[in-house]
């Protein structure tokens, strides 16, 4: 709701529409998204532990999140894309590729029970 322009209806199409329009400022949008992503990473790392003693299990998800933040910086502040189909193809490959990487990294960690590691 924070990033949208005032176009999100509360209940239905005729209800009050909310949004602060943060998308109009790329820097503030990036800062908010990065803060949310890092906050969620902290929660995830506290709720899970590496399954094996490998470095990938221990540091992989943090590295992945840093890559996502760098990817977002390039997306927001890099050069504009050349053509729609190029963007579409890259978006589909990125979506499924990044989801696959996240799935693989999550498989290297186990839930922490009782708040103890």
N, C-alpha and C. Protein backbone atom coordinates (compact mmCIF):
# COMPACT_ATOMS: atom_id res chain seq x y z
N UNK A 1 0.82 -1.18 0.00
CA UNK A 1 0.00 0.00 0.00
C UNK A 1 0.87 1.26 0.00
N UNK A 2 2.01 1.19 0.59
CA UNK A 2 2.85 2.38 0.70
C UNK A 2 3.39 2.81 -0.66
N UNK A 3 3.79 1.85 -1.48
CA UNK A 3 4.45 2.21 -2.73
C UNK A 3 3.47 2.59 -3.84
N UNK A 4 2.24 2.13 -3.78
CA UNK A 4 1.26 2.40 -4.83
C UNK A 4 0.80 3.85 -4.82
N UNK A 5 0.39 4.31 -5.99
CA UNK A 5 -0.32 5.58 -6.06
C UNK A 5 -1.69 5.34 -5.42
N UNK A 6 -2.44 6.36 -5.08
CA UNK A 6 -3.74 6.14 -4.44
C UNK A 6 -4.76 5.46 -5.37
N UNK A 7 -4.53 4.18 -5.66
CA UNK A 7 -5.41 3.45 -6.57
C UNK A 7 -5.82 2.08 -6.03
N UNK A 8 -5.50 1.78 -4.78
CA UNK A 8 -5.84 0.48 -4.19
C UNK A 8 -7.11 0.61 -3.36
N UNK A 9 -8.22 0.03 -3.84
CA UNK A 9 -9.47 0.14 -3.08
C UNK A 9 -9.42 -0.72 -1.81
N UNK A 10 -10.03 -0.21 -0.74
CA UNK A 10 -10.07 -0.94 0.52
C UNK A 10 -10.94 -2.18 0.43
N UNK A 11 -12.16 -2.05 -0.10
CA UNK A 11 -13.10 -3.16 -0.11
C UNK A 11 -13.50 -3.54 -1.54
N UNK A 12 -13.93 -2.60 -2.32
CA UNK A 12 -14.36 -2.84 -3.70
C UNK A 12 -13.99 -1.65 -4.56
N UNK A 13 -14.37 -1.69 -5.82
CA UNK A 13 -13.99 -0.63 -6.75
C UNK A 13 -14.50 0.74 -6.36
N UNK A 14 -15.61 0.79 -5.63
CA UNK A 14 -16.18 2.09 -5.27
C UNK A 14 -15.74 2.57 -3.89
N UNK A 15 -14.95 1.77 -3.16
CA UNK A 15 -14.52 2.17 -1.82
C UNK A 15 -13.34 3.14 -1.89
N UNK A 16 -12.95 3.64 -0.74
CA UNK A 16 -11.83 4.56 -0.64
C UNK A 16 -10.57 3.91 -1.20
N UNK A 17 -9.83 4.66 -1.97
CA UNK A 17 -8.59 4.14 -2.56
C UNK A 17 -7.41 4.72 -1.80
N UNK A 18 -6.45 3.84 -1.48
CA UNK A 18 -5.30 4.23 -0.67
C UNK A 18 -4.00 4.05 -1.43
N UNK A 19 -2.97 4.70 -0.94
CA UNK A 19 -1.63 4.58 -1.49
C UNK A 19 -0.88 5.88 -1.27
N UNK A 20 0.40 5.78 -0.95
CA UNK A 20 1.20 6.98 -0.69
C UNK A 20 2.04 7.41 -1.88
N UNK A 21 2.04 6.60 -2.95
CA UNK A 21 2.76 6.99 -4.16
C UNK A 21 4.27 6.92 -4.05
N UNK A 22 4.77 6.02 -3.24
CA UNK A 22 6.22 5.92 -3.08
C UNK A 22 6.92 5.48 -4.37
N UNK A 23 6.18 4.84 -5.27
CA UNK A 23 6.77 4.44 -6.56
C UNK A 23 7.24 5.63 -7.36
N UNK A 24 6.75 6.80 -7.04
CA UNK A 24 7.18 8.00 -7.75
C UNK A 24 8.60 8.40 -7.39
N UNK A 25 9.16 7.83 -6.35
CA UNK A 25 10.53 8.12 -5.93
C UNK A 25 11.31 6.81 -5.88
N UNK A 26 12.15 6.58 -6.88
CA UNK A 26 12.86 5.30 -6.99
C UNK A 26 13.78 5.05 -5.80
N UNK A 27 14.43 6.08 -5.29
CA UNK A 27 15.35 5.89 -4.16
C UNK A 27 14.63 5.44 -2.90
N UNK A 28 13.51 6.11 -2.59
CA UNK A 28 12.74 5.72 -1.40
C UNK A 28 12.14 4.33 -1.57
N UNK A 29 11.68 4.02 -2.76
CA UNK A 29 11.14 2.69 -3.03
C UNK A 29 12.21 1.64 -2.79
N UNK A 30 13.40 1.87 -3.32
CA UNK A 30 14.50 0.93 -3.13
C UNK A 30 14.84 0.76 -1.66
N UNK A 31 14.95 1.86 -0.93
CA UNK A 31 15.30 1.78 0.49
C UNK A 31 14.27 0.98 1.28
N UNK A 32 12.99 1.21 1.01
CA UNK A 32 11.94 0.48 1.71
C UNK A 32 11.99 -1.00 1.37
N UNK A 33 12.12 -1.32 0.08
CA UNK A 33 12.16 -2.73 -0.33
C UNK A 33 13.40 -3.43 0.22
N UNK A 34 14.55 -2.76 0.21
CA UNK A 34 15.77 -3.35 0.75
C UNK A 34 15.65 -3.58 2.25
N UNK A 35 15.06 -2.62 2.97
CA UNK A 35 14.88 -2.77 4.41
C UNK A 35 13.95 -3.94 4.72
N UNK A 36 12.86 -4.07 3.96
CA UNK A 36 11.95 -5.20 4.16
C UNK A 36 12.64 -6.52 3.86
N UNK A 37 13.40 -6.56 2.79
CA UNK A 37 14.10 -7.80 2.43
C UNK A 37 15.13 -8.19 3.48
N UNK A 38 15.90 -7.23 3.97
CA UNK A 38 16.90 -7.52 5.00
C UNK A 38 16.24 -7.91 6.32
N UNK A 39 15.13 -7.25 6.66
CA UNK A 39 14.41 -7.61 7.87
C UNK A 39 13.87 -9.04 7.80
N UNK A 40 13.32 -9.40 6.66
CA UNK A 40 12.81 -10.76 6.48
C UNK A 40 13.94 -11.78 6.49
N UNK A 41 15.10 -11.41 5.94
CA UNK A 41 16.26 -12.31 5.99
C UNK A 41 16.66 -12.57 7.44
N UNK A 42 16.67 -11.53 8.26
CA UNK A 42 17.02 -11.71 9.68
C UNK A 42 16.04 -12.66 10.36
N UNK A 43 14.75 -12.48 10.11
CA UNK A 43 13.76 -13.39 10.69
C UNK A 43 13.96 -14.82 10.20
N UNK A 44 14.23 -14.99 8.92
CA UNK A 44 14.45 -16.32 8.34
C UNK A 44 15.67 -16.99 8.95
N UNK A 45 16.77 -16.23 9.07
CA UNK A 45 18.00 -16.81 9.61
C UNK A 45 17.85 -17.17 11.09
N UNK A 46 17.02 -16.43 11.82
CA UNK A 46 16.78 -16.76 13.23
C UNK A 46 15.89 -17.99 13.37
N UNK A 47 15.04 -18.23 12.37
CA UNK A 47 14.09 -19.34 12.45
C UNK A 47 14.64 -20.63 11.84
N UNK A 48 15.80 -20.56 11.21
CA UNK A 48 16.39 -21.76 10.59
C UNK A 48 17.86 -21.88 10.97
N UNK A 49 18.39 -23.06 10.73
CA UNK A 49 19.81 -23.32 10.98
C UNK A 49 20.36 -24.12 9.80
N UNK A 50 21.66 -24.00 9.53
CA UNK A 50 22.24 -24.78 8.43
C UNK A 50 22.05 -26.28 8.67
N UNK A 51 21.64 -27.00 7.63
CA UNK A 51 21.41 -28.44 7.74
C UNK A 51 22.74 -29.17 7.88
N UNK A 52 23.67 -28.80 7.07
CA UNK A 52 25.00 -29.41 7.12
C UNK A 52 26.01 -28.32 7.46
N UNK A 53 27.22 -28.69 7.65
CA UNK A 53 28.24 -27.72 8.01
C UNK A 53 28.83 -26.98 6.83
N UNK A 54 28.17 -27.02 5.67
CA UNK A 54 28.76 -26.40 4.48
C UNK A 54 28.62 -24.88 4.53
N UNK A 55 29.51 -24.21 3.84
CA UNK A 55 29.48 -22.75 3.77
C UNK A 55 28.24 -22.27 3.01
N UNK A 56 27.82 -23.04 1.99
CA UNK A 56 26.64 -22.65 1.22
C UNK A 56 25.40 -22.68 2.10
N UNK A 57 25.28 -23.68 2.96
CA UNK A 57 24.13 -23.76 3.87
C UNK A 57 24.16 -22.61 4.87
N UNK A 58 25.34 -22.20 5.26
CA UNK A 58 25.47 -21.16 6.27
C UNK A 58 25.31 -19.75 5.71
N UNK A 59 25.91 -19.49 4.55
CA UNK A 59 25.95 -18.12 4.02
C UNK A 59 25.20 -17.93 2.70
N UNK A 60 24.67 -19.00 2.14
CA UNK A 60 24.05 -18.93 0.83
C UNK A 60 22.87 -17.98 0.75
N UNK A 61 21.95 -18.06 1.71
CA UNK A 61 20.75 -17.22 1.65
C UNK A 61 21.11 -15.75 1.82
N UNK A 62 22.05 -15.43 2.69
CA UNK A 62 22.47 -14.04 2.85
C UNK A 62 23.10 -13.52 1.56
N UNK A 63 23.92 -14.33 0.92
CA UNK A 63 24.51 -13.94 -0.36
C UNK A 63 23.45 -13.77 -1.43
N UNK A 64 22.46 -14.64 -1.42
CA UNK A 64 21.37 -14.54 -2.38
C UNK A 64 20.59 -13.24 -2.19
N UNK A 65 20.31 -12.87 -0.96
CA UNK A 65 19.58 -11.63 -0.68
C UNK A 65 20.42 -10.42 -1.11
N UNK A 66 21.71 -10.45 -0.87
CA UNK A 66 22.57 -9.35 -1.33
C UNK A 66 22.57 -9.25 -2.85
N UNK A 67 22.55 -10.41 -3.52
CA UNK A 67 22.45 -10.41 -4.98
C UNK A 67 21.12 -9.80 -5.42
N UNK A 68 20.02 -10.14 -4.74
CA UNK A 68 18.71 -9.58 -5.08
C UNK A 68 18.70 -8.05 -4.93
N UNK A 69 19.35 -7.56 -3.89
CA UNK A 69 19.42 -6.11 -3.68
C UNK A 69 20.23 -5.45 -4.79
N UNK A 70 21.36 -6.05 -5.16
CA UNK A 70 22.16 -5.51 -6.26
C UNK A 70 21.38 -5.56 -7.57
N UNK A 71 20.65 -6.64 -7.79
CA UNK A 71 19.81 -6.79 -8.98
C UNK A 71 18.75 -5.69 -9.02
N UNK A 72 18.18 -5.37 -7.88
CA UNK A 72 17.18 -4.33 -7.79
C UNK A 72 17.78 -2.94 -8.06
N UNK A 73 18.99 -2.71 -7.59
CA UNK A 73 19.67 -1.44 -7.87
C UNK A 73 19.82 -1.27 -9.38
N UNK A 74 20.29 -2.31 -10.05
CA UNK A 74 20.46 -2.25 -11.50
C UNK A 74 19.12 -2.05 -12.19
N UNK A 75 18.09 -2.74 -11.71
CA UNK A 75 16.76 -2.63 -12.30
C UNK A 75 16.21 -1.21 -12.18
N UNK A 76 16.40 -0.59 -11.03
CA UNK A 76 15.86 0.76 -10.81
C UNK A 76 16.69 1.87 -11.43
N UNK A 77 18.01 1.73 -11.39
CA UNK A 77 18.88 2.84 -11.77
C UNK A 77 19.72 2.57 -13.02
N UNK A 78 19.62 1.36 -13.58
CA UNK A 78 20.38 1.03 -14.78
C UNK A 78 19.73 1.57 -16.03
N UNK A 79 20.29 1.22 -17.17
CA UNK A 79 19.73 1.71 -18.44
C UNK A 79 18.37 1.09 -18.71
N UNK A 80 17.53 1.78 -19.45
CA UNK A 80 16.21 1.22 -19.76
C UNK A 80 16.34 0.02 -20.70
N UNK A 81 15.40 -0.90 -20.64
CA UNK A 81 15.45 -2.07 -21.51
C UNK A 81 15.24 -1.69 -22.98
N UNK A 82 15.73 -2.54 -23.87
CA UNK A 82 15.66 -2.25 -25.29
C UNK A 82 14.27 -2.50 -25.88
N UNK A 83 13.69 -3.66 -25.60
CA UNK A 83 12.42 -4.01 -26.23
C UNK A 83 11.56 -4.81 -25.26
N UNK A 84 10.24 -4.77 -25.48
CA UNK A 84 9.32 -5.45 -24.59
C UNK A 84 9.58 -6.95 -24.52
N UNK A 85 9.76 -7.61 -25.64
CA UNK A 85 9.95 -9.06 -25.64
C UNK A 85 11.26 -9.44 -24.94
N UNK A 86 12.25 -8.59 -25.04
CA UNK A 86 13.51 -8.82 -24.33
C UNK A 86 13.27 -8.78 -22.82
N UNK A 87 12.50 -7.81 -22.37
CA UNK A 87 12.16 -7.68 -20.95
C UNK A 87 11.33 -8.87 -20.51
N UNK A 88 10.34 -9.24 -21.31
CA UNK A 88 9.47 -10.36 -20.97
C UNK A 88 10.27 -11.65 -20.81
N UNK A 89 11.12 -11.94 -21.77
CA UNK A 89 11.92 -13.16 -21.71
C UNK A 89 12.85 -13.17 -20.51
N UNK A 90 13.51 -12.05 -20.28
CA UNK A 90 14.43 -11.95 -19.14
C UNK A 90 13.67 -12.08 -17.82
N UNK A 91 12.49 -11.47 -17.75
CA UNK A 91 11.69 -11.54 -16.52
C UNK A 91 11.27 -12.97 -16.22
N UNK A 92 10.85 -13.71 -17.22
CA UNK A 92 10.41 -15.10 -17.01
C UNK A 92 11.58 -15.98 -16.57
N UNK A 93 12.70 -15.85 -17.25
CA UNK A 93 13.88 -16.64 -16.88
C UNK A 93 14.34 -16.27 -15.47
N UNK A 94 14.36 -14.97 -15.18
CA UNK A 94 14.78 -14.52 -13.85
C UNK A 94 13.85 -15.02 -12.77
N UNK A 95 12.55 -14.92 -13.00
CA UNK A 95 11.58 -15.33 -11.99
C UNK A 95 11.76 -16.80 -11.63
N UNK A 96 11.75 -17.66 -12.63
CA UNK A 96 11.87 -19.09 -12.37
C UNK A 96 13.27 -19.46 -11.89
N UNK A 97 14.29 -18.81 -12.42
CA UNK A 97 15.66 -19.09 -11.99
C UNK A 97 15.90 -18.69 -10.54
N UNK A 98 15.47 -17.49 -10.17
CA UNK A 98 15.66 -17.02 -8.80
C UNK A 98 14.81 -17.82 -7.81
N UNK A 99 13.61 -18.20 -8.22
CA UNK A 99 12.78 -19.04 -7.35
C UNK A 99 13.44 -20.40 -7.14
N UNK A 100 14.04 -20.94 -8.18
CA UNK A 100 14.75 -22.23 -8.06
C UNK A 100 15.95 -22.13 -7.13
N UNK A 101 16.69 -21.04 -7.24
CA UNK A 101 17.85 -20.85 -6.36
C UNK A 101 17.39 -20.73 -4.91
N UNK A 102 16.34 -19.94 -4.67
CA UNK A 102 15.82 -19.79 -3.30
C UNK A 102 15.35 -21.13 -2.75
N UNK A 103 14.67 -21.92 -3.58
CA UNK A 103 14.20 -23.24 -3.16
C UNK A 103 15.37 -24.13 -2.78
N UNK A 104 16.41 -24.12 -3.59
CA UNK A 104 17.60 -24.95 -3.31
C UNK A 104 18.29 -24.51 -2.02
N UNK A 105 18.46 -23.21 -1.84
CA UNK A 105 19.11 -22.70 -0.63
C UNK A 105 18.27 -22.99 0.62
N UNK A 106 16.95 -22.88 0.50
CA UNK A 106 16.08 -23.18 1.63
C UNK A 106 16.18 -24.65 2.02
N UNK A 107 16.41 -25.52 1.06
CA UNK A 107 16.56 -26.95 1.34
C UNK A 107 17.82 -27.28 2.13
N UNK A 108 18.76 -26.33 2.19
CA UNK A 108 19.99 -26.54 2.94
C UNK A 108 19.86 -26.13 4.41
N UNK A 109 18.68 -25.63 4.78
CA UNK A 109 18.46 -25.17 6.15
C UNK A 109 17.28 -25.93 6.76
N UNK A 110 17.26 -26.00 8.09
CA UNK A 110 16.19 -26.69 8.79
C UNK A 110 15.55 -25.73 9.79
N UNK A 111 14.27 -25.92 10.09
CA UNK A 111 13.61 -25.05 11.08
C UNK A 111 14.22 -25.24 12.46
N UNK A 112 14.28 -24.16 13.20
CA UNK A 112 14.76 -24.20 14.58
C UNK A 112 13.53 -24.36 15.48
N UNK A 113 13.55 -25.34 16.33
CA UNK A 113 12.41 -25.54 17.23
C UNK A 113 12.76 -25.04 18.63
N UNK A 114 11.79 -24.44 19.28
CA UNK A 114 11.99 -24.00 20.66
C UNK A 114 12.92 -22.83 20.82
N UNK A 115 13.25 -22.14 19.71
CA UNK A 115 14.12 -20.97 19.80
C UNK A 115 15.58 -21.28 20.07
N UNK A 116 15.98 -22.54 20.02
CA UNK A 116 17.39 -22.88 20.24
C UNK A 116 17.98 -23.48 18.98
N UNK A 117 19.22 -23.17 18.76
CA UNK A 117 19.93 -23.73 17.59
C UNK A 117 20.74 -24.91 17.97
